[in-house]
Amino acid sequence: MKTRHLLQLVLLSALWGASFLFIRIASPVLGPQVAAALRIGLATLTLMAIMRATRQPWPWQHWRELTGLGALTVALPFLLYAWAALRLPAGYSSLLNTMVVPFGVLASAWMKEDTLSLRKWLGCLCGVVGVAFIVQLGPVQPTPELVLAALACMGAAACYGVCTPWMKRSTQRISPLAIAAGIHADALVMLVPGAAWDWPKARFTLPALLAVLVMGVVTSGLAYWLNLRVLSQISPVAAMSSAFMIPLFGVAWGHIFLGEALGPGMLWGGALVLLATSLVTGFNPLRLLAFLRAR
């Protein structure tokens, strides 16, 4: 994997790490269905504007494929994470999101988009241990609601992981921008009925609306486009490795903007996450140092 691909994955991790904080701000106020629909709606408008500016045609002939991808990689995960945010701290959700990689490793091998190796399995293990150090999960009461919220996060991660190799194949036939716009438009249609039902109960506070605005335009619209561009050039497993770095950034953003304390596991956890990323992607970190030194 090239240095620019790694830097793009780091950028995606930073953006998606912040999204868990924004979900915690928006979902309890707006409600999961309204928050998810507004986020997807803004992402759709953003991508539609880019499509129009670049004069790219809509991939109508691939509507069945994009509808399936829209349901499993946008509509369902966004709704599950928004619902889980009512019951789980952002750190828990970001930790459970790392399950994307094990699910994706198995799916990629099954679809023959990647191969299994001991190095990649060790990378998965290091990543899970690393994010556990970072988030420093404390004892919680195993209530039915908490268990359901955790299962919702794992379900969302499974959707992402299983569909990533499918998405990889799609990028070989459809442009990344067209895929991003198509799946968000399809997902919006799916979530509009539920959002309309819950609309009267939503409280449209300024912080919630700003959180949704950033998620829709940046962490969904632009980030999905960037993710698909990277995915079209590297293996599915390498692309999913950004999931290991998301908790690292999630905790960092919480410390910078919300004044949350940094636990002592941050150093060791961060090192393990970087090691996991190197193992799964096959990227030599010495190349990154050489790249930065050359600049």
Protein backbone atom coordinates (compact mmCIF):
# COMPACT_ATOMS: atom_id res chain seq x y z
CA MET A 1 0.00 0.00 0.00
CA LYS A 2 1.30 3.44 -0.92
CA THR A 3 1.96 6.21 1.61
CA ARG A 4 -0.84 8.38 0.25
CA HIS A 5 -3.31 5.55 0.80
CA LEU A 6 -2.25 5.23 4.43
CA LEU A 7 -2.57 8.99 4.94
CA GLN A 8 -6.05 8.88 3.43
CA LEU A 9 -7.01 6.06 5.81
CA VAL A 10 -5.73 8.10 8.75
CA LEU A 11 -7.85 11.05 7.58
CA LEU A 12 -10.93 8.81 7.33
CA SER A 13 -10.27 7.49 10.84
CA ALA A 14 -10.10 11.05 12.17
CA LEU A 15 -13.39 11.97 10.52
CA TRP A 16 -15.25 8.82 11.53
CA GLY A 17 -13.83 8.97 15.05
CA ALA A 18 -15.48 12.37 15.42
CA SER A 19 -18.78 11.06 14.06
CA PHE A 20 -19.39 8.95 17.20
CA LEU A 21 -19.26 12.12 19.29
CA PHE A 22 -21.65 13.87 16.94
CA ILE A 23 -24.05 10.93 17.06
CA ARG A 24 -24.09 11.16 20.85
CA ILE A 25 -25.01 14.84 20.54
CA ALA A 26 -27.71 14.50 17.89
CA SER A 27 -29.44 11.17 18.46
CA PRO A 28 -30.84 11.70 21.99
CA VAL A 29 -32.31 15.08 20.95
CA LEU A 30 -33.57 14.38 17.45
CA GLY A 31 -34.28 10.68 17.84
CA PRO A 32 -32.41 7.90 15.98
CA GLN A 33 -34.59 7.86 12.87
CA VAL A 34 -34.67 11.63 12.36
CA ALA A 35 -30.92 11.98 13.07
CA ALA A 36 -30.03 9.19 10.64
CA ALA A 37 -32.36 10.49 7.92
CA LEU A 38 -31.11 14.09 8.20
CA ARG A 39 -27.50 12.89 8.10
CA ILE A 40 -28.15 10.80 5.00
CA GLY A 41 -30.19 13.57 3.38
CA LEU A 42 -27.40 16.11 3.75
CA ALA A 43 -24.87 13.60 2.45
CA THR A 44 -27.09 12.95 -0.58
CA LEU A 45 -27.40 16.68 -1.33
CA THR A 46 -23.63 17.12 -1.00
CA LEU A 47 -22.87 14.26 -3.37
CA MET A 48 -25.57 15.34 -5.81
CA ALA A 49 -23.96 18.78 -6.00
CA ILE A 50 -20.56 17.23 -6.72
CA MET A 51 -22.11 14.93 -9.34
CA ARG A 52 -23.67 17.94 -11.05
CA ALA A 53 -20.48 20.00 -10.88
CA THR A 54 -18.41 17.16 -12.38
CA ARG A 55 -21.17 16.22 -14.85
CA GLN A 56 -21.12 12.59 -13.86
CA PRO A 57 -24.16 10.54 -14.92
CA TRP A 58 -26.25 8.65 -12.37
CA PRO A 59 -25.71 4.88 -12.58
CA TRP A 60 -29.39 4.03 -13.07
CA GLN A 61 -28.57 0.69 -14.70
CA HIS A 62 -27.02 -0.51 -11.43
CA TRP A 63 -29.97 0.47 -9.21
CA ARG A 64 -30.49 -3.04 -7.78
CA GLU A 65 -26.88 -3.31 -6.65
CA LEU A 66 -26.83 0.22 -5.22
CA THR A 67 -30.11 -0.37 -3.38
CA GLY A 68 -28.64 -3.41 -1.64
CA LEU A 69 -25.46 -1.56 -0.78
CA GLY A 70 -27.43 1.47 0.38
CA ALA A 71 -29.48 -0.65 2.75
CA LEU A 72 -26.54 -2.55 4.23
CA THR A 73 -23.80 0.09 4.28
CA VAL A 74 -25.75 3.29 4.97
CA ALA A 75 -29.40 2.96 6.07
CA LEU A 76 -29.13 0.07 8.52
CA PRO A 77 -25.72 0.91 10.10
CA PHE A 78 -26.55 4.61 10.54
CA LEU A 79 -29.85 3.72 12.18
CA LEU A 80 -28.28 1.07 14.43
CA TYR A 81 -25.49 3.39 15.62
CA ALA A 82 -27.96 6.23 16.23
CA TRP A 83 -30.18 3.91 18.28
CA ALA A 84 -27.21 2.50 20.23
CA ALA A 85 -26.05 6.05 21.04
CA LEU A 86 -29.09 6.43 23.29
CA ARG A 87 -27.64 3.76 25.58
CA LEU A 88 -23.90 3.45 24.95
CA PRO A 89 -21.04 5.97 25.41
CA ALA A 90 -19.23 6.94 22.22
CA GLY A 91 -16.15 4.98 23.33
CA TYR A 92 -18.09 1.74 23.55
CA SER A 93 -19.56 2.25 20.08
CA SER A 94 -16.20 3.07 18.52
CA LEU A 95 -14.65 -0.01 20.13
CA LEU A 96 -17.38 -2.30 18.85
CA ASN A 97 -16.98 -0.73 15.41
CA THR A 98 -13.57 -2.42 15.12
CA MET A 99 -15.43 -5.69 14.61
CA VAL A 100 -15.69 -4.49 11.00
CA VAL A 101 -12.23 -5.93 10.36
CA PRO A 102 -12.76 -9.57 11.50
CA PHE A 103 -16.09 -9.70 9.63
CA GLY A 104 -14.43 -8.15 6.60
CA VAL A 105 -11.45 -10.49 6.65
CA LEU A 106 -13.74 -13.52 6.51
CA ALA A 107 -16.02 -11.99 3.86
CA SER A 108 -13.08 -10.92 1.68
CA ALA A 109 -11.56 -14.39 1.81
CA TRP A 110 -14.92 -16.01 1.01
CA MET A 111 -15.44 -13.70 -1.98
CA LYS A 112 -11.80 -14.19 -3.05
CA GLU A 113 -11.07 -10.47 -2.85
CA ASP A 114 -8.27 -11.08 -0.34
CA THR A 115 -6.43 -13.92 1.34
CA LEU A 116 -6.26 -14.94 4.98
CA SER A 117 -2.86 -14.98 6.66
CA LEU A 118 -1.45 -15.24 10.15
CA ARG A 119 -0.18 -11.67 9.87
CA LYS A 120 -3.68 -10.31 9.23
CA TRP A 121 -5.20 -12.31 12.09
CA LEU A 122 -2.48 -11.02 14.41
CA GLY A 123 -3.30 -7.51 13.19
CA CYS A 124 -6.98 -8.02 14.07
CA LEU A 125 -6.01 -9.23 17.54
CA CYS A 126 -3.65 -6.30 18.14
CA GLY A 127 -6.30 -3.87 16.98
CA VAL A 128 -8.99 -5.18 19.33
CA VAL A 129 -6.58 -5.20 22.29
CA GLY A 130 -5.32 -1.73 21.39
CA VAL A 131 -8.73 -0.11 21.29
CA ALA A 132 -9.61 -1.80 24.58
CA PHE A 133 -6.60 -0.05 26.13
CA ILE A 134 -7.63 3.26 24.57
CA VAL A 135 -11.25 3.21 25.56
CA GLN A 136 -10.50 1.60 28.95
CA LEU A 137 -13.89 0.05 29.37
CA GLY A 138 -14.95 -0.02 32.99
CA PRO A 139 -17.46 -2.27 34.71
CA VAL A 140 -21.01 -1.72 33.55
CA GLN A 141 -24.34 -3.19 34.54
CA PRO A 142 -25.24 -5.83 31.92
CA THR A 143 -28.79 -4.62 31.49
CA PRO A 144 -30.89 -5.93 28.59
CA GLU A 145 -30.83 -2.46 26.99
CA LEU A 146 -27.03 -2.31 27.17
CA VAL A 147 -26.69 -5.77 25.63
CA LEU A 148 -29.10 -4.86 22.83
CA ALA A 149 -27.20 -1.63 22.13
CA ALA A 150 -23.91 -3.54 21.96
CA LEU A 151 -25.49 -6.08 19.60
CA ALA A 152 -26.77 -3.19 17.46
CA CYS A 153 -23.21 -1.85 17.12
CA MET A 154 -21.90 -5.29 16.24
CA GLY A 155 -24.68 -5.67 13.69
CA ALA A 156 -23.67 -2.37 12.08
CA ALA A 157 -20.02 -3.45 12.05
CA ALA A 158 -21.01 -6.77 10.47
CA CYS A 159 -22.86 -4.90 7.71
CA TYR A 160 -19.81 -2.81 6.93
CA GLY A 161 -17.39 -5.73 7.09
CA VAL A 162 -19.39 -8.17 5.00
CA CYS A 163 -20.26 -5.56 2.35
CA THR A 164 -16.78 -4.07 1.89
CA PRO A 165 -15.61 -6.73 -0.60
CA TRP A 166 -18.94 -6.34 -2.43
CA MET A 167 -18.31 -2.59 -2.54
CA LYS A 168 -14.79 -3.26 -3.84
CA ARG A 169 -16.23 -5.14 -6.79
CA SER A 170 -18.68 -2.34 -7.46
CA THR A 171 -15.82 0.19 -7.75
CA GLN A 172 -14.49 -1.80 -10.70
CA ARG A 173 -17.70 -1.08 -12.66
CA ILE A 174 -19.05 2.18 -11.22
CA SER A 175 -17.21 5.37 -10.29
CA PRO A 176 -16.71 5.92 -6.53
CA LEU A 177 -18.63 9.21 -6.65
CA ALA A 178 -21.61 7.60 -8.37
CA ILE A 179 -21.65 4.76 -5.84
CA ALA A 180 -21.50 7.15 -2.89
CA ALA A 181 -24.32 9.30 -4.26
CA GLY A 182 -26.45 6.32 -5.28
CA ILE A 183 -26.28 4.43 -1.99
CA HIS A 184 -27.05 7.54 0.06
CA ALA A 185 -30.01 8.45 -2.15
CA ASP A 186 -31.39 4.91 -1.86
CA ALA A 187 -30.83 4.87 1.91
CA LEU A 188 -32.66 8.19 2.27
CA VAL A 189 -35.75 6.78 0.57
CA MET A 190 -35.68 3.85 3.01
CA LEU A 191 -35.48 6.01 6.14
CA VAL A 192 -37.88 8.83 5.21
CA PRO A 193 -41.07 7.03 6.41
CA GLY A 194 -39.67 6.33 9.88
CA ALA A 195 -38.21 9.82 10.18
CA ALA A 196 -41.56 11.36 9.18
CA TRP A 197 -43.28 9.31 11.89
CA ASP A 198 -40.86 10.52 14.59
CA TRP A 199 -40.54 14.10 13.29
CA PRO A 200 -43.07 15.66 15.74
CA LYS A 201 -41.14 14.25 18.72
CA ALA A 202 -37.73 15.61 17.61
CA ARG A 203 -36.19 18.62 19.38
CA PHE A 204 -34.23 20.68 16.86
CA THR A 205 -31.56 22.25 19.04
CA LEU A 206 -28.63 24.15 17.52
CA PRO A 207 -25.92 21.70 18.76
CA ALA A 208 -27.85 18.74 17.36
CA LEU A 209 -28.39 20.41 13.99
CA LEU A 210 -24.72 21.44 13.74
CA ALA A 211 -23.68 17.88 14.61
CA VAL A 212 -25.94 16.48 11.88
CA LEU A 213 -24.64 19.08 9.40
CA VAL A 214 -21.02 18.04 9.95
CA MET A 215 -21.89 14.35 9.83
CA GLY A 216 -23.95 14.71 6.67
CA VAL A 217 -21.59 16.86 4.63
CA VAL A 218 -18.18 15.76 5.91
CA THR A 219 -18.17 12.40 7.72
CA SER A 220 -20.78 10.84 5.42
CA GLY A 221 -20.86 12.54 2.02
CA LEU A 222 -17.22 13.50 1.47
CA ALA A 223 -15.76 10.72 3.62
CA TYR A 224 -17.72 7.97 1.84
CA TRP A 225 -16.52 9.29 -1.50
CA LEU A 226 -12.92 9.30 -0.30
CA ASN A 227 -13.31 5.84 1.22
CA LEU A 228 -14.61 4.42 -2.06
CA ARG A 229 -11.76 6.03 -3.99
CA VAL A 230 -9.24 4.41 -1.66
CA LEU A 231 -11.11 1.09 -1.75
CA SER A 232 -10.91 1.03 -5.54
CA GLN A 233 -7.11 1.06 -5.31
CA ILE A 234 -6.29 -1.20 -2.34
CA SER A 235 -7.58 -4.48 -0.91
CA PRO A 236 -10.80 -4.57 1.13
CA VAL A 237 -9.00 -5.67 4.30
CA ALA A 238 -6.46 -2.88 4.00
CA ALA A 239 -9.26 -0.35 3.51
CA MET A 240 -11.07 -1.60 6.63
CA SER A 241 -7.98 -1.21 8.79
CA SER A 242 -8.98 2.41 9.41
CA ALA A 243 -11.55 1.00 11.86
CA PHE A 244 -8.72 0.28 14.31
CA MET A 245 -7.69 3.95 14.39
CA ILE A 246 -11.21 5.34 14.87
CA PRO A 247 -11.27 4.89 18.70
CA LEU A 248 -7.85 6.54 18.91
CA PHE A 249 -9.22 9.68 17.26
CA GLY A 250 -12.55 9.43 19.06
CA VAL A 251 -10.85 9.65 22.42
CA ALA A 252 -8.52 12.41 21.20
CA TRP A 253 -11.42 14.56 19.95
CA GLY A 254 -13.22 14.01 23.25
CA HIS A 255 -10.16 15.24 25.13
CA ILE A 256 -9.64 18.29 22.90
CA PHE A 257 -13.21 19.48 22.53
CA LEU A 258 -15.03 18.05 25.54
CA GLY A 259 -12.23 18.03 28.11
CA GLU A 260 -12.45 14.27 28.66
CA ALA A 261 -9.50 12.80 30.54
CA LEU A 262 -6.96 10.64 28.73
CA GLY A 263 -6.47 7.25 30.32
CA PRO A 264 -3.01 5.72 30.90
CA GLY A 265 -3.79 3.12 28.26
CA MET A 266 -3.73 5.72 25.50
CA LEU A 267 0.00 5.30 24.79
CA TRP A 268 0.03 1.51 24.74
CA GLY A 269 -3.31 1.32 22.99
CA GLY A 270 -2.20 3.78 20.31
CA ALA A 271 0.98 1.78 19.69
CA LEU A 272 -1.02 -1.44 19.33
CA VAL A 273 -3.46 0.22 16.95
CA LEU A 274 -0.61 1.44 14.75
CA LEU A 275 0.93 -2.04 14.83
CA ALA A 276 -2.44 -3.56 13.89
CA THR A 277 -2.79 -1.17 10.96
CA SER A 278 0.70 -2.07 9.75
CA LEU A 279 0.01 -5.82 10.01
CA VAL A 280 -3.36 -5.74 8.28
CA THR A 281 -2.37 -3.35 5.48
CA GLY A 282 1.16 -4.64 5.01
CA PHE A 283 2.40 -1.05 5.15
CA ASN A 284 5.92 -0.45 6.48
CA PRO A 285 5.79 2.60 8.82
CA LEU A 286 9.39 3.40 7.92
CA ARG A 287 8.10 4.40 4.49
CA LEU A 288 5.86 7.00 6.10
CA LEU A 289 8.82 8.45 8.03
CA ALA A 290 10.83 8.63 4.81
CA PHE A 291 7.90 10.31 3.04
CA LEU A 292 7.54 12.95 5.78
CA ARG A 293 11.28 13.54 5.90
CA ALA A 294 11.33 14.10 2.12
CA ARG A 295 8.69 16.82 2.52
